[in-house]
C-alpha atoms as a PDB file:
ATOM      1  CA  MET A   1      17.541-101.766  26.966  1.00  0.00           C
ATOM      2  CA  ARG A   2      17.419-100.419  29.559  1.00  0.00           C
ATOM      3  CA  GLY A   3      17.311 -96.986  28.601  1.00  0.00           C
ATOM      4  CA  LEU A   4      13.651 -98.452  26.471  1.00  0.00           C
ATOM      5  CA  ARG A   5      11.989 -99.788  29.439  1.00  0.00           C
ATOM      6  CA  SER A   6      12.077 -96.300  31.097  1.00  0.00           C
ATOM      7  CA  TRP A   7      10.815 -94.558  28.401  1.00  0.00           C
ATOM      8  CA  THR A   8       8.589 -96.696  28.014  1.00  0.00           C
ATOM      9  CA  GLY A   9       7.001 -97.184  30.994  1.00  0.00           C
ATOM     10  CA  LEU A  10       7.498 -93.154  30.904  1.00  0.00           C
ATOM     11  CA  ALA A  11       4.775 -93.776  27.528  1.00  0.00           C
ATOM     12  CA  ILE A  12       3.000 -96.348  29.710  1.00  0.00           C
ATOM     13  CA  GLY A  13       2.412 -94.143  32.336  1.00  0.00           C
ATOM     14  CA  VAL A  14       1.034 -91.434  30.192  1.00  0.00           C
ATOM     15  CA  VAL A  15      -0.935 -93.030  28.213  1.00  0.00           C
ATOM     16  CA  ALA A  16      -3.121 -94.447  31.438  1.00  0.00           C
ATOM     17  CA  VAL A  17      -3.394 -90.770  33.141  1.00  0.00           C
ATOM     18  CA  GLY A  18      -5.112 -89.498  29.615  1.00  0.00           C
ATOM     19  CA  LEU A  19      -6.997 -92.212  29.526  1.00  0.00           C
ATOM     20  CA  ALA A  20      -8.118 -91.972  33.241  1.00  0.00           C
ATOM     21  CA  LEU A  21      -8.594 -88.287  32.504  1.00  0.00           C
ATOM     22  CA  ALA A  22     -10.965 -88.810  29.161  1.00  0.00           C
ATOM     23  CA  ALA A  23     -12.737 -91.573  31.413  1.00  0.00           C
ATOM     24  CA  ALA A  24     -13.238 -89.065  34.100  1.00  0.00           C
ATOM     25  CA  HIS A  25     -14.262 -86.227  31.962  1.00  0.00           C
ATOM     26  CA  GLY A  26     -16.512 -88.608  30.356  1.00  0.00           C
ATOM     27  CA  LEU A  27     -18.060 -89.386  33.347  1.00  0.00           C
ATOM     28  CA  GLY A  28     -18.888 -85.954  33.936  1.00  0.00           C
ATOM     29  CA  LEU A  29     -15.881 -84.531  36.347  1.00  0.00           C
ATOM     30  CA  ARG A  30     -13.525 -81.586  35.755  1.00  0.00           C
ATOM     31  CA  TRP A  31     -10.419 -80.554  37.110  1.00  0.00           C
ATOM     32  CA  ASP A  32     -10.976 -76.245  36.906  1.00  0.00           C
ATOM     33  CA  PRO A  33      -8.560 -75.451  39.212  1.00  0.00           C
ATOM     34  CA  PHE A  34      -8.748 -71.749  38.044  1.00  0.00           C
ATOM     35  CA  ASP A  35     -12.560 -71.927  37.995  1.00  0.00           C
ATOM     36  CA  LEU A  36     -12.512 -70.906  34.204  1.00  0.00           C
ATOM     37  CA  GLN A  37     -15.603 -72.346  34.084  1.00  0.00           C
ATOM     38  CA  GLY A  38     -17.913 -70.619  36.633  1.00  0.00           C
ATOM     39  CA  ARG A  39     -16.023 -67.622  35.116  1.00  0.00           C
ATOM     40  CA  ARG A  40     -16.956 -67.603  32.275  1.00  0.00           C
ATOM     41  CA  LEU A  41     -19.907 -68.503  33.181  1.00  0.00           C
ATOM     42  CA  GLU A  42     -20.495 -64.808  34.963  1.00  0.00           C
ATOM     43  CA  VAL A  43     -19.475 -63.512  32.371  1.00  0.00           C
ATOM     44  CA  ALA A  44     -22.272 -64.785  30.036  1.00  0.00           C
ATOM     45  CA  ARG A  45     -24.460 -64.342  32.960  1.00  0.00           C
ATOM     46  CA  SER A  46     -23.465 -60.854  32.992  1.00  0.00           C
ATOM     47  CA  GLN A  47     -23.469 -60.340  29.205  1.00  0.00           C
ATOM     48  CA  ALA A  48     -27.409 -61.573  29.539  1.00  0.00           C
ATOM     49  CA  ALA A  49     -28.266 -58.808  31.840  1.00  0.00           C
ATOM     50  CA  LEU A  50     -27.089 -56.323  30.113  1.00  0.00           C
ATOM     51  CA  ALA A  51     -28.704 -57.434  26.339  1.00  0.00           C
ATOM     52  CA  GLU A  52     -32.146 -57.647  28.483  1.00  0.00           C
ATOM     53  CA  ALA A  53     -32.085 -54.070  29.417  1.00  0.00           C
ATOM     54  CA  ASP A  54     -31.093 -52.891  26.879  1.00  0.00           C
ATOM     55  CA  ALA A  55     -33.678 -54.822  25.417  1.00  0.00           C
ATOM     56  CA  ARG A  56     -35.749 -53.367  27.760  1.00  0.00           C
ATOM     57  CA  LEU A  57     -34.673 -50.121  27.073  1.00  0.00           C
ATOM     58  CA  ARG A  58     -35.074 -50.271  22.639  1.00  0.00           C
ATOM     59  CA  ARG A  59     -38.537 -50.921  23.999  1.00  0.00           C
ATOM     60  CA  ALA A  60     -39.392 -48.087  26.488  1.00  0.00           C
ATOM     61  CA  GLU A  61     -38.185 -46.270  23.513  1.00  0.00           C
ATOM     62  CA  ARG A  62     -40.167 -47.601  20.648  1.00  0.00           C
ATOM     63  CA  ASP A  63     -43.368 -47.300  23.427  1.00  0.00           C
ATOM     64  CA  GLY A  64     -41.803 -43.903  24.475  1.00  0.00           C
ATOM     65  CA  ASP A  65     -42.190 -42.306  20.509  1.00  0.00           C
ATOM     66  CA  ARG A  66     -45.195 -43.930  20.047  1.00  0.00           C
ATOM     67  CA  ILE A  67     -46.653 -42.543  22.564  1.00  0.00           C
ATOM     68  CA  VAL A  68     -45.142 -39.026  21.330  1.00  0.00           C
ATOM     69  CA  SER A  69     -46.245 -39.717  17.596  1.00  0.00           C
ATOM     70  CA  ARG A  70     -49.832 -39.842  19.097  1.00  0.00           C
ATOM     71  CA  GLU A  71     -49.265 -37.257  20.836  1.00  0.00           C
ATOM     72  CA  THR A  72     -48.088 -34.706  18.221  1.00  0.00           C
ATOM     73  CA  GLU A  73     -50.559 -35.684  15.764  1.00  0.00           C
ATOM     74  CA  ALA A  74     -53.747 -34.866  18.508  1.00  0.00           C
ATOM     75  CA  ILE A  75     -52.029 -32.118  18.646  1.00  0.00           C
ATOM     76  CA  ARG A  76     -52.144 -31.379  15.117  1.00  0.00           C
ATOM     77  CA  GLU A  77     -55.801 -32.003  14.640  1.00  0.00           C
ATOM     78  CA  PHE A  78     -57.030 -29.896  17.218  1.00  0.00           C
ATOM     79  CA  GLU A  79     -54.988 -27.309  16.061  1.00  0.00           C
ATOM     80  CA  ILE A  80     -56.569 -27.727  12.719  1.00  0.00           C
ATOM     81  CA  GLU A  81     -60.164 -27.795  14.815  1.00  0.00           C
ATOM     82  CA  VAL A  82     -59.527 -25.038  16.472  1.00  0.00           C
ATOM     83  CA  GLY A  83     -57.865 -22.828  12.799  1.00  0.00           C
ATOM     84  CA  ARG A  84     -61.623 -23.813  11.216  1.00  0.00           C
ATOM     85  CA  ALA A  85     -63.426 -22.783  14.401  1.00  0.00           C
ATOM     86  CA  THR A  86     -61.506 -19.579  14.678  1.00  0.00           C
ATOM     87  CA  ALA A  87     -62.539 -18.780  10.991  1.00  0.00           C
ATOM     88  CA  ALA A  88     -65.835 -19.815  10.514  1.00  0.00           C
ATOM     89  CA  ALA A  89     -66.012 -17.891  13.981  1.00  0.00           C
ATOM     90  CA  ILE A  90     -64.495 -14.670  11.854  1.00  0.00           C
ATOM     91  CA  GLN A  91     -66.382 -15.023   9.541  1.00  0.00           C
ATOM     92  CA  GLN A  92     -69.799 -15.137  10.808  1.00  0.00           C
ATOM     93  CA  ALA A  93     -68.765 -11.867  13.512  1.00  0.00           C
ATOM     94  CA  ARG A  94     -67.739 -10.078   9.860  1.00  0.00           C
ATOM     95  CA  GLU A  95     -70.904 -11.030   7.937  1.00  0.00           C
ATOM     96  CA  ALA A  96     -73.563 -10.129  11.137  1.00  0.00           C
ATOM     97  CA  GLU A  97     -75.893  -7.031  10.643  1.00  0.00           C
ATOM     98  CA  ASP A  98     -74.357  -5.363  14.049  1.00  0.00           C
ATOM     99  CA  ALA A  99     -70.314  -5.835  12.720  1.00  0.00           C
ATOM    100  CA  ASP A 100     -69.975  -2.516  11.340  1.00  0.00           C
ATOM    101  CA  VAL A 101     -72.109  -1.345  14.681  1.00  0.00           C
ATOM    102  CA  PRO A 102     -69.017  -0.080  17.090  1.00  0.00           C
ATOM    103  CA  LEU A 103     -69.196  -1.147  20.922  1.00  0.00           C
ATOM    104  CA  ALA A 104     -69.555   0.371  23.599  1.00  0.00           C
ATOM    105  CA  PRO A 105     -66.135   1.682  25.720  1.00  0.00           C
ATOM    106  CA  ASP A 106     -67.607  -0.346  28.600  1.00  0.00           C
ATOM    107  CA  ARG A 107     -67.690  -3.630  26.491  1.00  0.00           C
ATOM    108  CA  VAL A 108     -64.574  -3.514  25.231  1.00  0.00           C
ATOM    109  CA  ARG A 109     -63.019  -2.764  28.233  1.00  0.00           C
ATOM    110  CA  ARG A 110     -64.914  -5.644  29.744  1.00  0.00           C
ATOM    111  CA  LEU A 111     -64.182  -8.356  26.936  1.00  0.00           C
ATOM    112  CA  ASP A 112     -59.664  -7.451  26.866  1.00  0.00           C
ATOM    113  CA  ASP A 113     -60.229  -7.903  30.359  1.00  0.00           C
ATOM    114  CA  HIS A 114     -62.295 -11.658  29.490  1.00  0.00           C
ATOM    115  CA  ASP A 115     -59.267 -12.206  26.634  1.00  0.00           C
ATOM    116  CA  ARG A 116     -55.803 -11.481  29.453  1.00  0.00           C
ATOM    117  CA  GLU A 117     -57.673 -13.483  32.449  1.00  0.00           C
ATOM    118  CA  LEU A 118     -57.776 -16.201  29.583  1.00  0.00           C
ATOM    119  CA  CYS A 119     -54.225 -15.373  28.725  1.00  0.00           C
ATOM    120  CA  ARG A 120     -53.516 -15.946  32.488  1.00  0.00           C
ATOM    121  CA  HIS A 121     -54.596 -19.182  32.239  1.00  0.00           C
ATOM    122  CA  ALA A 122     -53.430 -20.764  29.027  1.00  0.00           C
ATOM    123  CA  PRO A 123     -50.974 -18.003  27.734  1.00  0.00           C
ATOM    124  CA  ALA A 124     -49.281 -20.646  25.590  1.00  0.00           C
ATOM    125  CA  LEU A 125     -52.840 -20.170  23.190  1.00  0.00           C
ATOM    126  CA  CYS A 126     -52.510 -16.658  23.482  1.00  0.00           C
ATOM    127  CA  ALA A 127     -48.696 -16.746  22.524  1.00  0.00           C
ATOM    128  CA  GLY A 128     -49.702 -15.814  18.660  1.00  0.00           C
ATOM    129  CA  ALA A 129     -52.043 -13.234  19.456  1.00  0.00           C
ATOM    130  CA  GLY A 130     -51.606  -9.279  19.064  1.00  0.00           C
ATOM    131  CA  ALA A 131     -49.922  -7.384  21.752  1.00  0.00           C
ATOM    132  CA  PRO A 132     -52.565  -5.966  24.091  1.00  0.00           C
ATOM    133  CA  ASP A 133     -53.593  -2.080  23.106  1.00  0.00           C
ATOM    134  CA  PRO A 134     -51.422  -0.139  25.896  1.00  0.00           C
ATOM    135  CA  ALA A 135     -54.288   2.435  25.734  1.00  0.00           C
ATOM    136  CA  GLY A 136     -57.584  -0.180  26.838  1.00  0.00           C
END
């Protein structure tokens, strides 16, 4: 009988401690000696900050892609317009009444000098042009 009483007392004690812990937990009291809750909270905050930074990066990348796309399209349109204007100027020059009249050597030199000066300021525009005449 004596062994049974000690087991009964122990069981009542365990149930009482369990009920006390459940009541304390229900009241919002937490026992966290290793601060696991705080660690989880810090990890969650770090992950949220990382996710926000990743979202900002993706938005910036998307915006950059849009800007590059618009600029590329603008350059293509500019190239098309320059090509049209050049083709029209070439056609007009060929059909002009003085098209077969040779230019004076001084005028040719001045035009070549002017072309070289323009190409010096905008080399990308002259990249497709033929090499200048070494005699000119």
